[in-house]
Amino acid sequence: MGPQDANSLGNVHGGVIMRMVDEAGALVAMRHANMPVVTVAIDSMTFMEPIRIGMLVMCKGELTYTGRTSMEVRVEVSAENPFLGQGKITNTAYVVYVALDVNGSPSVVPELLCETDDEKLRADQARERQEFRKRQRAIESAAAIKGSGS
């Protein structure tokens, strides 16, 4: 990370990290779907540790869920002092993408195949998050309709 990525205190802007997370997650989703994707949701991201100018930042993405056209990717951000080799996890986020066909319409994605117990557990947890997102979307839609119709 360079000075252009940081504030006057030398801390990397959260938006820079969020962009890296979104790009890393999109690459995972595109590789799985073998087609373009768009971001539809980013679950809350907590900045657990500051990232300073000069640190090496790495994003590791893992597909955790597939729906009919949507996919959830877990992205873990770590930062490392390149001189000391000391690294730490700074952020974790779950990002949801929808695959798009050549016309820009949502397209069916391949199913996620979970082989290990850890993968199955992460997929179950991802299904719960997706159900929560759907409930939240329904509540927000109902509120918007109620607020606009009189």
N, C-alpha and C. Protein backbone atom coordinates (compact mmCIF):
# COMPACT_ATOMS: atom_id res chain seq x y z
N MET A 1 0.84 -1.17 0.00
CA MET A 1 0.00 0.00 0.00
C MET A 1 0.89 1.24 0.00
N GLY A 2 0.50 2.19 -0.81
CA GLY A 2 1.28 3.41 -0.94
C GLY A 2 0.57 4.61 -0.35
N PRO A 3 1.21 5.75 -0.35
CA PRO A 3 0.62 6.97 0.21
C PRO A 3 -0.71 7.35 -0.45
N GLN A 4 -0.87 7.04 -1.73
CA GLN A 4 -2.11 7.37 -2.43
C GLN A 4 -3.31 6.58 -1.89
N ASP A 5 -3.04 5.50 -1.13
CA ASP A 5 -4.09 4.64 -0.58
C ASP A 5 -4.48 5.00 0.84
N ALA A 6 -3.81 6.00 1.43
CA ALA A 6 -3.94 6.21 2.88
C ALA A 6 -4.36 7.63 3.24
N ASN A 7 -4.75 7.77 4.50
CA ASN A 7 -5.07 9.08 5.04
C ASN A 7 -3.81 9.73 5.61
N SER A 8 -3.95 10.89 6.22
CA SER A 8 -2.79 11.62 6.71
C SER A 8 -2.11 10.95 7.90
N LEU A 9 -2.76 9.96 8.51
CA LEU A 9 -2.17 9.21 9.62
C LEU A 9 -1.39 7.99 9.14
N GLY A 10 -1.44 7.73 7.83
CA GLY A 10 -0.73 6.57 7.28
C GLY A 10 -1.54 5.29 7.28
N ASN A 11 -2.83 5.38 7.62
CA ASN A 11 -3.72 4.22 7.59
C ASN A 11 -4.39 4.14 6.22
N VAL A 12 -4.43 2.94 5.66
CA VAL A 12 -5.07 2.74 4.36
C VAL A 12 -6.57 2.98 4.51
N HIS A 13 -7.14 3.71 3.56
CA HIS A 13 -8.58 4.00 3.54
C HIS A 13 -9.39 2.70 3.48
N GLY A 14 -10.46 2.66 4.25
CA GLY A 14 -11.35 1.50 4.24
C GLY A 14 -11.92 1.24 2.86
N GLY A 15 -12.20 2.28 2.10
CA GLY A 15 -12.75 2.11 0.76
C GLY A 15 -11.78 1.40 -0.18
N VAL A 16 -10.49 1.63 0.01
CA VAL A 16 -9.48 0.93 -0.81
C VAL A 16 -9.54 -0.57 -0.52
N ILE A 17 -9.65 -0.91 0.76
CA ILE A 17 -9.73 -2.32 1.14
C ILE A 17 -11.04 -2.93 0.65
N MET A 18 -12.14 -2.20 0.76
CA MET A 18 -13.43 -2.71 0.30
C MET A 18 -13.39 -2.99 -1.21
N ARG A 19 -12.74 -2.11 -1.96
CA ARG A 19 -12.64 -2.34 -3.40
C ARG A 19 -11.83 -3.61 -3.69
N MET A 20 -10.73 -3.79 -2.96
CA MET A 20 -9.92 -5.00 -3.15
C MET A 20 -10.74 -6.26 -2.82
N VAL A 21 -11.52 -6.20 -1.74
CA VAL A 21 -12.37 -7.32 -1.35
C VAL A 21 -13.37 -7.63 -2.44
N ASP A 22 -14.02 -6.60 -2.97
CA ASP A 22 -15.03 -6.79 -4.02
C ASP A 22 -14.40 -7.40 -5.28
N GLU A 23 -13.24 -6.90 -5.66
CA GLU A 23 -12.57 -7.43 -6.86
C GLU A 23 -12.12 -8.88 -6.66
N ALA A 24 -11.57 -9.20 -5.49
CA ALA A 24 -11.13 -10.57 -5.22
C ALA A 24 -12.33 -11.52 -5.21
N GLY A 25 -13.41 -11.10 -4.54
CA GLY A 25 -14.61 -11.94 -4.50
C GLY A 25 -15.22 -12.14 -5.87
N ALA A 26 -15.24 -11.08 -6.68
CA ALA A 26 -15.80 -11.18 -8.03
C ALA A 26 -15.01 -12.17 -8.88
N LEU A 27 -13.69 -12.17 -8.72
CA LEU A 27 -12.87 -13.13 -9.48
C LEU A 27 -13.20 -14.56 -9.11
N VAL A 28 -13.40 -14.82 -7.82
CA VAL A 28 -13.78 -16.18 -7.38
C VAL A 28 -15.12 -16.56 -8.00
N ALA A 29 -16.09 -15.64 -7.93
CA ALA A 29 -17.42 -15.92 -8.46
C ALA A 29 -17.39 -16.11 -9.98
N MET A 30 -16.62 -15.26 -10.68
CA MET A 30 -16.53 -15.40 -12.15
C MET A 30 -15.90 -16.72 -12.55
N ARG A 31 -14.88 -17.14 -11.81
CA ARG A 31 -14.23 -18.41 -12.13
C ARG A 31 -15.20 -19.57 -11.94
N HIS A 32 -16.03 -19.49 -10.90
CA HIS A 32 -16.99 -20.57 -10.67
C HIS A 32 -18.08 -20.58 -11.73
N ALA A 33 -18.63 -19.40 -12.00
CA ALA A 33 -19.76 -19.30 -12.94
C ALA A 33 -19.32 -19.33 -14.40
N ASN A 34 -18.05 -18.98 -14.63
CA ASN A 34 -17.53 -18.87 -16.00
C ASN A 34 -18.29 -17.83 -16.81
N MET A 35 -18.64 -16.73 -16.12
CA MET A 35 -19.33 -15.62 -16.77
C MET A 35 -19.20 -14.38 -15.89
N PRO A 36 -19.52 -13.21 -16.42
CA PRO A 36 -19.44 -11.99 -15.62
C PRO A 36 -20.40 -12.03 -14.43
N VAL A 37 -20.06 -11.25 -13.41
CA VAL A 37 -20.92 -11.15 -12.23
C VAL A 37 -21.04 -9.69 -11.81
N VAL A 38 -22.08 -9.41 -11.04
CA VAL A 38 -22.25 -8.10 -10.41
C VAL A 38 -22.43 -8.31 -8.92
N THR A 39 -21.99 -7.34 -8.15
CA THR A 39 -22.12 -7.38 -6.70
C THR A 39 -23.54 -6.98 -6.32
N VAL A 40 -24.18 -7.77 -5.46
CA VAL A 40 -25.52 -7.42 -5.01
C VAL A 40 -25.59 -7.16 -3.51
N ALA A 41 -24.60 -7.64 -2.75
CA ALA A 41 -24.60 -7.39 -1.30
C ALA A 41 -23.21 -7.60 -0.73
N ILE A 42 -22.88 -6.75 0.23
CA ILE A 42 -21.67 -6.95 1.02
C ILE A 42 -22.12 -6.93 2.47
N ASP A 43 -21.93 -8.05 3.16
CA ASP A 43 -22.27 -8.06 4.58
C ASP A 43 -21.30 -7.14 5.31
N SER A 44 -21.66 -6.77 6.51
CA SER A 44 -20.85 -5.81 7.25
C SER A 44 -19.39 -6.25 7.30
N MET A 45 -18.52 -5.26 7.22
CA MET A 45 -17.09 -5.52 7.27
C MET A 45 -16.54 -4.76 8.47
N THR A 46 -15.90 -5.48 9.37
CA THR A 46 -15.28 -4.86 10.52
C THR A 46 -13.79 -4.75 10.27
N PHE A 47 -13.26 -3.57 10.51
CA PHE A 47 -11.83 -3.34 10.36
C PHE A 47 -11.20 -3.64 11.72
N MET A 48 -10.66 -4.85 11.84
CA MET A 48 -10.13 -5.33 13.13
C MET A 48 -8.74 -4.79 13.44
N GLU A 49 -7.97 -4.52 12.41
CA GLU A 49 -6.60 -4.04 12.57
C GLU A 49 -6.33 -2.99 11.50
N PRO A 50 -5.59 -1.94 11.81
CA PRO A 50 -5.26 -0.96 10.78
C PRO A 50 -4.25 -1.54 9.79
N ILE A 51 -4.33 -1.08 8.57
CA ILE A 51 -3.35 -1.42 7.54
C ILE A 51 -2.59 -0.15 7.24
N ARG A 52 -1.28 -0.22 7.33
CA ARG A 52 -0.43 0.96 7.21
C ARG A 52 0.24 1.03 5.85
N ILE A 53 0.65 2.22 5.47
CA ILE A 53 1.44 2.40 4.25
C ILE A 53 2.65 1.47 4.32
N GLY A 54 2.96 0.83 3.21
CA GLY A 54 4.12 -0.05 3.11
C GLY A 54 3.81 -1.51 3.37
N MET A 55 2.59 -1.80 3.86
CA MET A 55 2.24 -3.19 4.13
C MET A 55 1.78 -3.88 2.85
N LEU A 56 2.06 -5.17 2.79
CA LEU A 56 1.58 -6.02 1.71
C LEU A 56 0.19 -6.50 2.10
N VAL A 57 -0.80 -6.28 1.25
CA VAL A 57 -2.17 -6.68 1.54
C VAL A 57 -2.57 -7.80 0.60
N MET A 58 -3.14 -8.84 1.18
CA MET A 58 -3.56 -10.01 0.39
C MET A 58 -5.03 -10.31 0.68
N CYS A 59 -5.76 -10.66 -0.36
CA CYS A 59 -7.16 -11.06 -0.23
C CYS A 59 -7.29 -12.50 -0.68
N LYS A 60 -7.90 -13.30 0.17
CA LYS A 60 -8.11 -14.71 -0.14
C LYS A 60 -9.61 -14.95 -0.19
N GLY A 61 -10.12 -15.40 -1.34
CA GLY A 61 -11.54 -15.61 -1.50
C GLY A 61 -11.88 -17.09 -1.61
N GLU A 62 -13.06 -17.43 -1.06
CA GLU A 62 -13.53 -18.81 -1.11
C GLU A 62 -15.04 -18.80 -1.34
N LEU A 63 -15.49 -19.54 -2.33
CA LEU A 63 -16.93 -19.66 -2.60
C LEU A 63 -17.56 -20.46 -1.47
N THR A 64 -18.62 -19.92 -0.86
CA THR A 64 -19.25 -20.59 0.28
C THR A 64 -20.69 -20.98 0.02
N TYR A 65 -21.29 -20.45 -1.06
CA TYR A 65 -22.71 -20.71 -1.31
C TYR A 65 -23.02 -20.45 -2.77
N THR A 66 -23.91 -21.27 -3.32
CA THR A 66 -24.50 -20.96 -4.62
C THR A 66 -26.01 -21.14 -4.51
N GLY A 67 -26.70 -20.20 -5.09
CA GLY A 67 -28.14 -20.30 -5.25
C GLY A 67 -28.41 -20.62 -6.71
N ARG A 68 -29.54 -20.17 -7.21
CA ARG A 68 -29.84 -20.41 -8.62
C ARG A 68 -28.96 -19.53 -9.50
N THR A 69 -28.90 -18.22 -9.19
CA THR A 69 -28.09 -17.29 -9.98
C THR A 69 -27.08 -16.55 -9.12
N SER A 70 -27.14 -16.73 -7.82
CA SER A 70 -26.27 -15.98 -6.92
C SER A 70 -25.21 -16.87 -6.28
N MET A 71 -24.16 -16.21 -5.82
CA MET A 71 -23.05 -16.89 -5.16
C MET A 71 -22.55 -16.02 -4.02
N GLU A 72 -22.18 -16.65 -2.91
CA GLU A 72 -21.56 -15.92 -1.81
C GLU A 72 -20.08 -16.30 -1.76
N VAL A 73 -19.25 -15.29 -1.57
CA VAL A 73 -17.81 -15.51 -1.46
C VAL A 73 -17.34 -14.92 -0.14
N ARG A 74 -16.60 -15.71 0.62
CA ARG A 74 -15.96 -15.22 1.85
C ARG A 74 -14.58 -14.71 1.45
N VAL A 75 -14.30 -13.46 1.80
CA VAL A 75 -13.00 -12.87 1.49
C VAL A 75 -12.32 -12.50 2.80
N GLU A 76 -11.12 -13.01 2.96
CA GLU A 76 -10.32 -12.72 4.14
C GLU A 76 -9.15 -11.83 3.72
N VAL A 77 -8.99 -10.72 4.42
CA VAL A 77 -7.92 -9.77 4.13
C VAL A 77 -6.83 -9.93 5.18
N SER A 78 -5.60 -10.02 4.72
CA SER A 78 -4.49 -10.04 5.67
C SER A 78 -3.46 -9.01 5.21
N ALA A 79 -2.74 -8.49 6.18
CA ALA A 79 -1.70 -7.50 5.91
C ALA A 79 -0.40 -8.00 6.52
N GLU A 80 0.68 -7.77 5.82
CA GLU A 80 1.98 -8.26 6.27
C GLU A 80 3.03 -7.17 6.15
N ASN A 81 3.86 -7.07 7.15
CA ASN A 81 5.03 -6.22 7.07
C ASN A 81 6.05 -6.98 6.23
N PRO A 82 6.39 -6.49 5.03
CA PRO A 82 7.26 -7.27 4.15
C PRO A 82 8.70 -7.40 4.66
N PHE A 83 9.10 -6.55 5.58
CA PHE A 83 10.46 -6.63 6.12
C PHE A 83 10.56 -7.65 7.25
N LEU A 84 9.48 -7.76 8.02
CA LEU A 84 9.50 -8.66 9.17
C LEU A 84 8.81 -9.99 8.91
N GLY A 85 8.00 -10.02 7.84
CA GLY A 85 7.25 -11.24 7.53
C GLY A 85 6.13 -11.51 8.52
N GLN A 86 5.78 -10.50 9.29
CA GLN A 86 4.70 -10.66 10.26
C GLN A 86 3.39 -10.26 9.62
N GLY A 87 2.44 -11.19 9.61
CA GLY A 87 1.15 -10.91 9.02
C GLY A 87 0.02 -11.08 10.01
N LYS A 88 -1.11 -10.49 9.68
CA LYS A 88 -2.29 -10.61 10.53
C LYS A 88 -3.54 -10.45 9.68
N ILE A 89 -4.60 -11.11 10.11
CA ILE A 89 -5.89 -10.96 9.44
C ILE A 89 -6.48 -9.63 9.90
N THR A 90 -6.89 -8.82 8.93
CA THR A 90 -7.42 -7.50 9.26
C THR A 90 -8.92 -7.37 9.02
N ASN A 91 -9.46 -8.15 8.10
CA ASN A 91 -10.87 -8.05 7.74
C ASN A 91 -11.37 -9.40 7.23
N THR A 92 -12.66 -9.60 7.39
CA THR A 92 -13.35 -10.71 6.73
C THR A 92 -14.69 -10.17 6.25
N ALA A 93 -15.07 -10.53 5.05
CA ALA A 93 -16.35 -10.08 4.52
C ALA A 93 -16.99 -11.19 3.70
N TYR A 94 -18.30 -11.15 3.64
CA TYR A 94 -19.06 -12.05 2.77
C TYR A 94 -19.72 -11.18 1.71
N VAL A 95 -19.47 -11.52 0.45
CA VAL A 95 -19.96 -10.72 -0.66
C VAL A 95 -20.81 -11.61 -1.55
N VAL A 96 -21.95 -11.09 -1.99
CA VAL A 96 -22.87 -11.85 -2.84
C VAL A 96 -22.84 -11.27 -4.25
N TYR A 97 -22.74 -12.16 -5.21
CA TYR A 97 -22.69 -11.80 -6.63
C TYR A 97 -23.80 -12.54 -7.37
N VAL A 98 -24.24 -11.95 -8.47
CA VAL A 98 -25.16 -12.61 -9.40
C VAL A 98 -24.46 -12.72 -10.74
N ALA A 99 -24.55 -13.90 -11.33
CA ALA A 99 -23.95 -14.14 -12.64
C ALA A 99 -24.85 -13.55 -13.72
N LEU A 100 -24.22 -13.03 -14.78
CA LEU A 100 -24.96 -12.41 -15.88
C LEU A 100 -24.64 -13.11 -17.19
N ASP A 101 -25.70 -13.33 -17.99
CA ASP A 101 -25.50 -13.91 -19.32
C ASP A 101 -25.08 -12.81 -20.30
N VAL A 102 -24.97 -13.15 -21.58
CA VAL A 102 -24.50 -12.18 -22.58
C VAL A 102 -25.45 -11.00 -22.76
N ASN A 103 -26.70 -11.15 -22.33
CA ASN A 103 -27.68 -10.06 -22.42
C ASN A 103 -27.75 -9.23 -21.14
N GLY A 104 -26.93 -9.59 -20.14
CA GLY A 104 -26.93 -8.86 -18.88
C GLY A 104 -28.03 -9.30 -17.93
N SER A 105 -28.65 -10.44 -18.20
CA SER A 105 -29.70 -10.98 -17.33
C SER A 105 -29.11 -12.02 -16.38
N PRO A 106 -29.70 -12.17 -15.19
CA PRO A 106 -29.21 -13.20 -14.27
C PRO A 106 -29.20 -14.57 -14.93
N SER A 107 -28.15 -15.32 -14.65
CA SER A 107 -27.96 -16.62 -15.29
C SER A 107 -27.69 -17.69 -14.23
N VAL A 108 -28.15 -18.88 -14.50
CA VAL A 108 -27.98 -20.01 -13.58
C VAL A 108 -26.49 -20.32 -13.43
N VAL A 109 -26.09 -20.61 -12.18
CA VAL A 109 -24.68 -20.93 -11.90
C VAL A 109 -24.56 -22.40 -11.50
N PRO A 110 -23.37 -22.97 -11.70
CA PRO A 110 -23.17 -24.36 -11.27
C PRO A 110 -23.30 -24.48 -9.76
N GLU A 111 -23.74 -25.64 -9.33
CA GLU A 111 -23.88 -25.92 -7.90
C GLU A 111 -22.51 -25.99 -7.23
N LEU A 112 -22.45 -25.58 -5.99
CA LEU A 112 -21.22 -25.70 -5.20
C LEU A 112 -21.16 -27.11 -4.64
N LEU A 113 -20.08 -27.80 -4.90
CA LEU A 113 -19.90 -29.15 -4.38
C LEU A 113 -19.03 -29.09 -3.13
N CYS A 114 -19.61 -29.46 -2.00
CA CYS A 114 -18.89 -29.44 -0.73
C CYS A 114 -18.42 -30.86 -0.43
N GLU A 115 -17.13 -31.00 -0.22
CA GLU A 115 -16.56 -32.33 0.02
C GLU A 115 -16.17 -32.56 1.47
N THR A 116 -15.62 -31.56 2.13
CA THR A 116 -15.15 -31.76 3.51
C THR A 116 -16.21 -31.31 4.51
N ASP A 117 -16.06 -31.73 5.75
CA ASP A 117 -16.99 -31.30 6.80
C ASP A 117 -16.94 -29.78 6.98
N ASP A 118 -15.75 -29.19 6.88
CA ASP A 118 -15.62 -27.73 7.00
C ASP A 118 -16.37 -27.02 5.87
N GLU A 119 -16.23 -27.53 4.66
CA GLU A 119 -16.93 -26.92 3.52
C GLU A 119 -18.44 -27.04 3.70
N LYS A 120 -18.91 -28.17 4.20
CA LYS A 120 -20.35 -28.36 4.43
C LYS A 120 -20.85 -27.41 5.51
N LEU A 121 -20.07 -27.24 6.57
CA LEU A 121 -20.45 -26.32 7.64
C LEU A 121 -20.52 -24.89 7.11
N ARG A 122 -19.51 -24.47 6.34
CA ARG A 122 -19.51 -23.11 5.78
C ARG A 122 -20.70 -22.91 4.84
N ALA A 123 -21.06 -23.94 4.09
CA ALA A 123 -22.21 -23.84 3.18
C ALA A 123 -23.51 -23.71 3.97
N ASP A 124 -23.64 -24.46 5.06
CA ASP A 124 -24.84 -24.35 5.90
C ASP A 124 -24.94 -22.95 6.50
N GLN A 125 -23.83 -22.43 6.99
CA GLN A 125 -23.82 -21.07 7.55
C GLN A 125 -24.15 -20.04 6.47
N ALA A 126 -23.66 -20.27 5.27
CA ALA A 126 -23.93 -19.35 4.16
C ALA A 126 -25.41 -19.37 3.80
N ARG A 127 -26.04 -20.54 3.82
CA ARG A 127 -27.49 -20.62 3.54
C ARG A 127 -28.27 -19.81 4.57
N GLU A 128 -27.85 -19.88 5.84
CA GLU A 128 -28.51 -19.10 6.89
C GLU A 128 -28.36 -17.60 6.62
N ARG A 129 -27.16 -17.18 6.22
CA ARG A 129 -26.95 -15.75 5.91
C ARG A 129 -27.82 -15.34 4.73
N GLN A 130 -27.93 -16.20 3.72
CA GLN A 130 -28.72 -15.87 2.55
C GLN A 130 -30.20 -15.76 2.91
N GLU A 131 -30.68 -16.63 3.76
CA GLU A 131 -32.08 -16.54 4.21
C GLU A 131 -32.31 -15.24 4.98
N PHE A 132 -31.35 -14.86 5.81
CA PHE A 132 -31.45 -13.60 6.54
C PHE A 132 -31.50 -12.42 5.57
N ARG A 133 -30.64 -12.44 4.54
CA ARG A 133 -30.64 -11.36 3.54
C ARG A 133 -32.00 -11.27 2.85
N LYS A 134 -32.57 -12.41 2.51
CA LYS A 134 -33.88 -12.41 1.84
C LYS A 134 -34.95 -11.82 2.74
N ARG A 135 -34.92 -12.17 4.04
CA ARG A 135 -35.90 -11.60 4.98
C ARG A 135 -35.72 -10.09 5.09
N GLN A 136 -34.47 -9.63 5.17
CA GLN A 136 -34.19 -8.20 5.26
C GLN A 136 -34.67 -7.47 4.00
N ARG A 137 -34.43 -8.07 2.85
CA ARG A 137 -34.86 -7.46 1.58
C ARG A 137 -36.38 -7.34 1.55
N ALA A 138 -37.10 -8.36 2.04
CA ALA A 138 -38.56 -8.32 2.06
C ALA A 138 -39.06 -7.21 2.99
N ILE A 139 -38.40 -7.06 4.13
CA ILE A 139 -38.78 -6.01 5.08
C ILE A 139 -38.53 -4.64 4.46
N GLU A 140 -37.38 -4.46 3.82
CA GLU A 140 -37.05 -3.18 3.20
C GLU A 140 -37.98 -2.86 2.05
N SER A 141 -38.35 -3.87 1.26
CA SER A 141 -39.29 -3.66 0.16
C SER A 141 -40.66 -3.25 0.67
N ALA A 142 -41.11 -3.92 1.72
CA ALA A 142 -42.42 -3.59 2.30
C ALA A 142 -42.41 -2.17 2.85
N ALA A 143 -41.33 -1.77 3.48
CA ALA A 143 -41.23 -0.41 4.02
C ALA A 143 -41.22 0.62 2.92
N ALA A 144 -40.52 0.32 1.81
CA ALA A 144 -40.46 1.25 0.68
C ALA A 144 -41.84 1.40 0.04
N ILE A 145 -42.55 0.31 -0.08
CA ILE A 145 -43.90 0.37 -0.68
C ILE A 145 -44.83 1.16 0.23
N LYS A 146 -44.75 0.89 1.53
CA LYS A 146 -45.58 1.60 2.48
C LYS A 146 -45.26 3.09 2.48
N GLY A 147 -43.99 3.44 2.37
CA GLY A 147 -43.59 4.84 2.39
C GLY A 147 -43.94 5.60 1.13
N SER A 148 -44.08 4.89 -0.01
CA SER A 148 -44.35 5.59 -1.27
C SER A 148 -45.82 5.61 -1.64
N GLY A 149 -46.63 4.79 -1.03
CA GLY A 149 -48.05 4.74 -1.40
C GLY A 149 -48.92 5.36 -0.33
N SER A 150 -49.66 6.35 -0.70
CA SER A 150 -50.62 6.96 0.25
C SER A 150 -51.87 7.34 -0.48
